[in-house]
Amino acid sequence: MTPANRETTVTGGHGFALDLFDWHYAMTPAYTNNLTTADGTVAQLARRERPQLLLDPKTGAPVTLYNAVSFQGATFTYGAAFSQA
């Protein structure tokens, strides 16, 4: 999502419309293109796309963010899952 007045365009955002015509966008990024691995290494991804959340069935809280990623110079995306657990 890249609204013109957001600080950075390398993020995922939240947009919604009640009528499919009048769209509103959150100015706070939902996530960035930085990926921190289990060993603490940080990778800068070229893209993150198709985000989906896995929710805890008892509490409804987000457990895992699933999305596809593309690395710098890649011509395709990889399916991946990233967990906060």
C-alpha atoms as a PDB file:
ATOM      1  CA  MET A   1       0.000   0.000   0.000  1.00  0.00           C
ATOM      2  CA  THR A   2       1.488   3.308  -0.950  1.00  0.00           C
ATOM      3  CA  PRO A   3      -0.674   6.298  -0.012  1.00  0.00           C
ATOM      4  CA  ALA A   4       1.237   9.381  -1.119  1.00  0.00           C
ATOM      5  CA  ASN A   5       1.374  10.907   2.358  1.00  0.00           C
ATOM      6  CA  ARG A   6       2.711   7.854   4.236  1.00  0.00           C
ATOM      7  CA  GLU A   7       6.317   8.169   5.457  1.00  0.00           C
ATOM      8  CA  THR A   8       7.541   5.057   3.663  1.00  0.00           C
ATOM      9  CA  THR A   9       6.078   3.142   0.749  1.00  0.00           C
ATOM     10  CA  VAL A  10       7.892  -0.128   1.563  1.00  0.00           C
ATOM     11  CA  THR A  11       5.186  -1.447   3.858  1.00  0.00           C
ATOM     12  CA  GLY A  12       1.963  -3.372   3.978  1.00  0.00           C
ATOM     13  CA  GLY A  13      -1.071  -1.350   4.885  1.00  0.00           C
ATOM     14  CA  HIS A  14      -4.732  -1.571   5.723  1.00  0.00           C
ATOM     15  CA  GLY A  15      -7.356  -0.206   3.370  1.00  0.00           C
ATOM     16  CA  PHE A  16     -11.128  -0.491   3.520  1.00  0.00           C
ATOM     17  CA  ALA A  17     -14.261   0.777   1.824  1.00  0.00           C
ATOM     18  CA  LEU A  18     -17.863   0.427   2.898  1.00  0.00           C
ATOM     19  CA  ASP A  19     -19.163   0.870  -0.641  1.00  0.00           C
ATOM     20  CA  LEU A  20     -16.179  -0.341  -2.764  1.00  0.00           C
ATOM     21  CA  PHE A  21     -15.682   3.200  -4.096  1.00  0.00           C
ATOM     22  CA  ASP A  22     -14.681   5.452  -1.170  1.00  0.00           C
ATOM     23  CA  TRP A  23     -11.428   3.891   0.095  1.00  0.00           C
ATOM     24  CA  HIS A  24      -9.703   4.811   3.368  1.00  0.00           C
ATOM     25  CA  TYR A  25      -6.115   3.876   4.273  1.00  0.00           C
ATOM     26  CA  ALA A  26      -4.446   3.620   7.665  1.00  0.00           C
ATOM     27  CA  MET A  27      -1.317   5.736   7.923  1.00  0.00           C
ATOM     28  CA  THR A  28       0.312   3.231  10.303  1.00  0.00           C
ATOM     29  CA  PRO A  29       2.020   0.385   8.424  1.00  0.00           C
ATOM     30  CA  ALA A  30       0.718  -3.124   9.141  1.00  0.00           C
ATOM     31  CA  TYR A  31       4.195  -4.537   8.466  1.00  0.00           C
ATOM     32  CA  THR A  32       7.454  -3.608   6.717  1.00  0.00           C
ATOM     33  CA  ASN A  33       9.689  -5.411   4.255  1.00  0.00           C
ATOM     34  CA  ASN A  34      12.216  -6.203   7.002  1.00  0.00           C
ATOM     35  CA  LEU A  35      12.313  -9.845   8.036  1.00  0.00           C
ATOM     36  CA  THR A  36      13.918 -10.838  11.359  1.00  0.00           C
ATOM     37  CA  THR A  37      14.836 -14.514  11.433  1.00  0.00           C
ATOM     38  CA  ALA A  38      14.976 -16.803  14.485  1.00  0.00           C
ATOM     39  CA  ASP A  39      18.727 -16.156  14.875  1.00  0.00           C
ATOM     40  CA  GLY A  40      18.204 -12.359  14.878  1.00  0.00           C
ATOM     41  CA  THR A  41      19.435 -11.732  11.330  1.00  0.00           C
ATOM     42  CA  VAL A  42      17.465  -9.003   9.532  1.00  0.00           C
ATOM     43  CA  ALA A  43      16.849  -9.343   5.789  1.00  0.00           C
ATOM     44  CA  GLN A  44      15.433  -6.584   3.555  1.00  0.00           C
ATOM     45  CA  LEU A  45      12.820  -8.164   1.296  1.00  0.00           C
ATOM     46  CA  ALA A  46      11.962  -6.725  -2.108  1.00  0.00           C
ATOM     47  CA  ARG A  47       8.257  -7.524  -1.637  1.00  0.00           C
ATOM     48  CA  ARG A  48       5.741  -9.048   0.752  1.00  0.00           C
ATOM     49  CA  GLU A  49       2.358  -9.889  -0.690  1.00  0.00           C
ATOM     50  CA  ARG A  50      -0.874 -11.850  -0.109  1.00  0.00           C
ATOM     51  CA  PRO A  51      -0.803 -11.482   3.709  1.00  0.00           C
ATOM     52  CA  GLN A  52      -3.096 -13.731   5.746  1.00  0.00           C
ATOM     53  CA  LEU A  53      -3.418 -14.204   9.500  1.00  0.00           C
ATOM     54  CA  LEU A  54      -3.816 -17.481  11.380  1.00  0.00           C
ATOM     55  CA  LEU A  55      -6.004 -16.746  14.401  1.00  0.00           C
ATOM     56  CA  ASP A  56      -6.093 -18.598  17.714  1.00  0.00           C
ATOM     57  CA  PRO A  57      -9.414 -20.525  17.686  1.00  0.00           C
ATOM     58  CA  LYS A  58     -10.070 -19.839  21.385  1.00  0.00           C
ATOM     59  CA  THR A  59      -9.125 -16.166  21.702  1.00  0.00           C
ATOM     60  CA  GLY A  60      -9.251 -14.907  18.116  1.00  0.00           C
ATOM     61  CA  ALA A  61      -5.800 -13.344  18.607  1.00  0.00           C
ATOM     62  CA  PRO A  62      -3.348 -13.349  15.666  1.00  0.00           C
ATOM     63  CA  VAL A  63      -0.821 -16.187  15.976  1.00  0.00           C
ATOM     64  CA  THR A  64       1.007 -16.255  12.650  1.00  0.00           C
ATOM     65  CA  LEU A  65       1.353 -13.967   9.621  1.00  0.00           C
ATOM     66  CA  TYR A  66       1.521 -15.931   6.380  1.00  0.00           C
ATOM     67  CA  ASN A  67       2.631 -14.202   3.215  1.00  0.00           C
ATOM     68  CA  ALA A  68       4.628 -14.607   0.046  1.00  0.00           C
ATOM     69  CA  VAL A  69       7.992 -12.844  -0.205  1.00  0.00           C
ATOM     70  CA  SER A  70      10.400 -11.845  -2.932  1.00  0.00           C
ATOM     71  CA  PHE A  71      14.090 -11.192  -2.351  1.00  0.00           C
ATOM     72  CA  GLN A  72      16.115  -8.471  -4.087  1.00  0.00           C
ATOM     73  CA  GLY A  73      16.742  -9.470  -7.714  1.00  0.00           C
ATOM     74  CA  ALA A  74      14.259 -12.374  -7.667  1.00  0.00           C
ATOM     75  CA  THR A  75      11.684 -12.682 -10.429  1.00  0.00           C
ATOM     76  CA  PHE A  76       9.199 -14.721  -8.368  1.00  0.00           C
ATOM     77  CA  THR A  77       7.818 -14.936  -4.832  1.00  0.00           C
ATOM     78  CA  TYR A  78       8.186 -17.639  -2.175  1.00  0.00           C
ATOM     79  CA  GLY A  79       5.321 -18.778   0.043  1.00  0.00           C
ATOM     80  CA  ALA A  80       6.273 -18.499   3.704  1.00  0.00           C
ATOM     81  CA  ALA A  81       4.956 -18.365   7.263  1.00  0.00           C
ATOM     82  CA  PHE A  82       6.315 -16.124  10.012  1.00  0.00           C
ATOM     83  CA  SER A  83       5.292 -16.615  13.618  1.00  0.00           C
ATOM     84  CA  GLN A  84       5.432 -14.381  16.671  1.00  0.00           C
ATOM     85  CA  ALA A  85       5.473 -17.454  18.956  1.00  0.00           C
END
